[in-house]
């Protein structure tokens, strides 16, 4: 039994759309994991601000 060419194209297009949607979802999840948490960012800003206030606005690195 032969399949209609239109049916084959529609099935292929639907499969490609599903694969693209899955790839986009994976990319969004990966991008969300790579972002820096707000509390880490805020902590770093507060440490830098404290160092500048203690040392008269000169760039100083915190001791690890």
N, C-alpha and C. Protein backbone atom coordinates (compact mmCIF):
# COMPACT_ATOMS: atom_id res chain seq x y z
N UNK A 1 0.84 -1.16 0.00
CA UNK A 1 0.00 0.00 0.00
C UNK A 1 0.90 1.25 0.00
N UNK A 2 0.73 2.11 -0.96
CA UNK A 2 1.53 3.33 -1.07
C UNK A 2 0.92 4.43 -0.22
N UNK A 3 1.84 5.21 0.40
CA UNK A 3 1.37 6.35 1.18
C UNK A 3 1.34 7.58 0.29
N UNK A 4 0.41 8.41 0.52
CA UNK A 4 0.30 9.64 -0.21
C UNK A 4 1.49 10.54 0.12
N UNK A 5 2.05 11.21 -0.89
CA UNK A 5 3.21 12.09 -0.67
C UNK A 5 2.87 13.21 0.30
N UNK A 6 1.66 13.70 0.23
CA UNK A 6 1.22 14.77 1.14
C UNK A 6 1.25 14.27 2.59
N UNK A 7 0.80 13.06 2.82
CA UNK A 7 0.80 12.49 4.18
C UNK A 7 2.22 12.34 4.71
N UNK A 8 3.12 11.89 3.86
CA UNK A 8 4.52 11.72 4.27
C UNK A 8 5.12 13.08 4.63
N UNK A 9 4.86 14.10 3.83
CA UNK A 9 5.37 15.43 4.12
C UNK A 9 4.81 15.97 5.44
N UNK A 10 3.55 15.78 5.67
CA UNK A 10 2.92 16.26 6.90
C UNK A 10 3.49 15.54 8.13
N UNK A 11 3.70 14.23 8.02
CA UNK A 11 4.27 13.49 9.14
C UNK A 11 5.70 13.94 9.41
N UNK A 12 6.47 14.16 8.36
CA UNK A 12 7.86 14.61 8.52
C UNK A 12 7.89 16.01 9.13
N UNK A 13 7.01 16.89 8.66
CA UNK A 13 6.96 18.25 9.19
C UNK A 13 6.57 18.24 10.67
N UNK A 14 5.62 17.40 11.03
CA UNK A 14 5.19 17.31 12.43
C UNK A 14 6.32 16.78 13.31
N UNK A 15 7.03 15.80 12.83
CA UNK A 15 8.16 15.24 13.59
C UNK A 15 9.26 16.29 13.77
N UNK A 16 9.57 17.04 12.71
CA UNK A 16 10.58 18.09 12.81
C UNK A 16 10.14 19.19 13.79
N UNK A 17 8.87 19.54 13.76
CA UNK A 17 8.36 20.55 14.70
C UNK A 17 8.50 20.07 16.14
N UNK A 18 8.20 18.79 16.37
CA UNK A 18 8.36 18.23 17.72
C UNK A 18 9.83 18.25 18.16
N UNK A 19 10.73 17.88 17.26
CA UNK A 19 12.15 17.89 17.59
C UNK A 19 12.66 19.30 17.86
N UNK A 20 12.19 20.27 17.08
CA UNK A 20 12.60 21.66 17.31
C UNK A 20 12.08 22.17 18.66
N UNK A 21 10.85 21.84 18.99
CA UNK A 21 10.29 22.26 20.27
C UNK A 21 11.07 21.65 21.43
N UNK A 22 11.44 20.38 21.31
CA UNK A 22 12.22 19.73 22.37
C UNK A 22 13.61 20.36 22.48
N UNK A 23 14.22 20.70 21.36
CA UNK A 23 15.55 21.33 21.39
C UNK A 23 15.47 22.71 22.02
N UNK A 24 14.43 23.47 21.71
CA UNK A 24 14.25 24.78 22.33
C UNK A 24 14.06 24.67 23.83
N UNK A 25 13.29 23.68 24.27
CA UNK A 25 13.08 23.49 25.70
C UNK A 25 14.39 23.13 26.41
N UNK A 26 15.19 22.26 25.78
CA UNK A 26 16.49 21.91 26.36
C UNK A 26 17.40 23.12 26.44
N UNK A 27 17.39 23.96 25.41
CA UNK A 27 18.24 25.15 25.40
C UNK A 27 17.82 26.13 26.50
N UNK A 28 16.53 26.29 26.70
CA UNK A 28 16.04 27.18 27.76
C UNK A 28 16.43 26.66 29.14
N UNK A 29 16.30 25.35 29.34
CA UNK A 29 16.68 24.78 30.64
C UNK A 29 18.18 24.93 30.88
N UNK A 30 18.98 24.73 29.85
CA UNK A 30 20.43 24.88 30.00
C UNK A 30 20.80 26.33 30.29
N UNK A 31 20.14 27.26 29.65
CA UNK A 31 20.41 28.69 29.88
C UNK A 31 20.02 29.08 31.30
N UNK A 32 18.94 28.52 31.80
CA UNK A 32 18.50 28.85 33.16
C UNK A 32 19.48 28.31 34.20
N UNK A 33 20.07 27.16 33.94
CA UNK A 33 21.03 26.58 34.88
C UNK A 33 22.33 27.34 34.90
N UNK A 34 22.70 27.96 33.77
CA UNK A 34 23.97 28.67 33.70
C UNK A 34 23.92 30.05 34.35
N UNK A 35 22.73 30.59 34.57
CA UNK A 35 22.65 31.94 35.11
C UNK A 35 23.09 31.96 36.58
N UNK A 36 23.64 33.08 37.00
CA UNK A 36 24.12 33.25 38.36
C UNK A 36 22.95 33.53 39.28
N UNK A 37 22.84 32.83 40.40
CA UNK A 37 21.74 33.09 41.33
C UNK A 37 21.81 34.52 41.87
N UNK A 38 20.65 35.08 42.15
CA UNK A 38 20.56 36.46 42.62
C UNK A 38 21.28 36.63 43.94
N UNK A 39 21.15 35.66 44.84
CA UNK A 39 21.79 35.83 46.15
C UNK A 39 23.32 35.83 46.04
N UNK A 40 23.86 35.08 45.09
CA UNK A 40 25.31 35.10 44.87
C UNK A 40 25.74 36.45 44.32
N UNK A 41 25.01 36.95 43.34
CA UNK A 41 25.30 38.25 42.76
C UNK A 41 25.21 39.35 43.81
N UNK A 42 24.16 39.32 44.62
CA UNK A 42 23.98 40.32 45.67
C UNK A 42 25.09 40.24 46.71
N UNK A 43 25.49 39.03 47.08
CA UNK A 43 26.58 38.86 48.03
C UNK A 43 27.89 39.44 47.52
N UNK A 44 28.20 39.20 46.26
CA UNK A 44 29.43 39.74 45.68
C UNK A 44 29.40 41.26 45.65
N UNK A 45 28.26 41.83 45.33
CA UNK A 45 28.13 43.29 45.30
C UNK A 45 28.33 43.86 46.71
N UNK A 46 27.73 43.22 47.70
CA UNK A 46 27.87 43.71 49.07
C UNK A 46 29.32 43.61 49.56
N UNK A 47 30.02 42.55 49.21
CA UNK A 47 31.42 42.40 49.60
C UNK A 47 32.26 43.49 48.94
N UNK A 48 32.04 43.73 47.66
CA UNK A 48 32.80 44.79 46.98
C UNK A 48 32.51 46.16 47.57
N UNK A 49 31.25 46.41 47.87
CA UNK A 49 30.88 47.69 48.48
C UNK A 49 31.53 47.85 49.85
N UNK A 50 31.52 46.80 50.66
CA UNK A 50 32.15 46.85 51.98
C UNK A 50 33.64 47.08 51.88
N UNK A 51 34.30 46.43 50.93
CA UNK A 51 35.73 46.64 50.74
C UNK A 51 36.03 48.08 50.34
N UNK A 52 35.23 48.64 49.47
CA UNK A 52 35.46 50.02 49.04
C UNK A 52 35.22 51.00 50.20
N UNK A 53 34.20 50.75 51.00
CA UNK A 53 33.92 51.64 52.12
C UNK A 53 35.01 51.57 53.18
N UNK A 54 35.54 50.39 53.43
CA UNK A 54 36.59 50.22 54.43
C UNK A 54 37.93 50.79 53.98
N UNK A 55 38.17 50.80 52.69
CA UNK A 55 39.50 51.19 52.21
C UNK A 55 39.48 52.52 51.47
N UNK A 56 38.49 53.32 51.64
CA UNK A 56 38.49 54.64 51.04
C UNK A 56 38.31 54.64 49.53
N UNK A 57 37.45 53.81 49.01
CA UNK A 57 37.11 53.77 47.59
C UNK A 57 38.28 53.41 46.69
N UNK A 58 39.16 52.56 47.15
CA UNK A 58 40.19 51.98 46.29
C UNK A 58 39.85 50.53 46.07
N UNK A 59 40.09 50.02 44.87
CA UNK A 59 39.75 48.61 44.62
C UNK A 59 40.61 47.66 45.42
N UNK A 60 39.99 46.89 46.29
CA UNK A 60 40.68 45.94 47.14
C UNK A 60 39.98 44.61 47.02
N UNK A 61 40.75 43.56 46.91
CA UNK A 61 40.17 42.21 46.84
C UNK A 61 40.02 41.66 48.25
N UNK A 62 38.94 40.95 48.47
CA UNK A 62 38.70 40.32 49.77
C UNK A 62 39.61 39.11 49.90
N UNK A 63 40.11 38.88 51.11
CA UNK A 63 40.93 37.70 51.35
C UNK A 63 40.06 36.46 51.31
N UNK A 64 40.55 35.43 50.68
CA UNK A 64 39.76 34.21 50.54
C UNK A 64 39.86 33.35 51.75
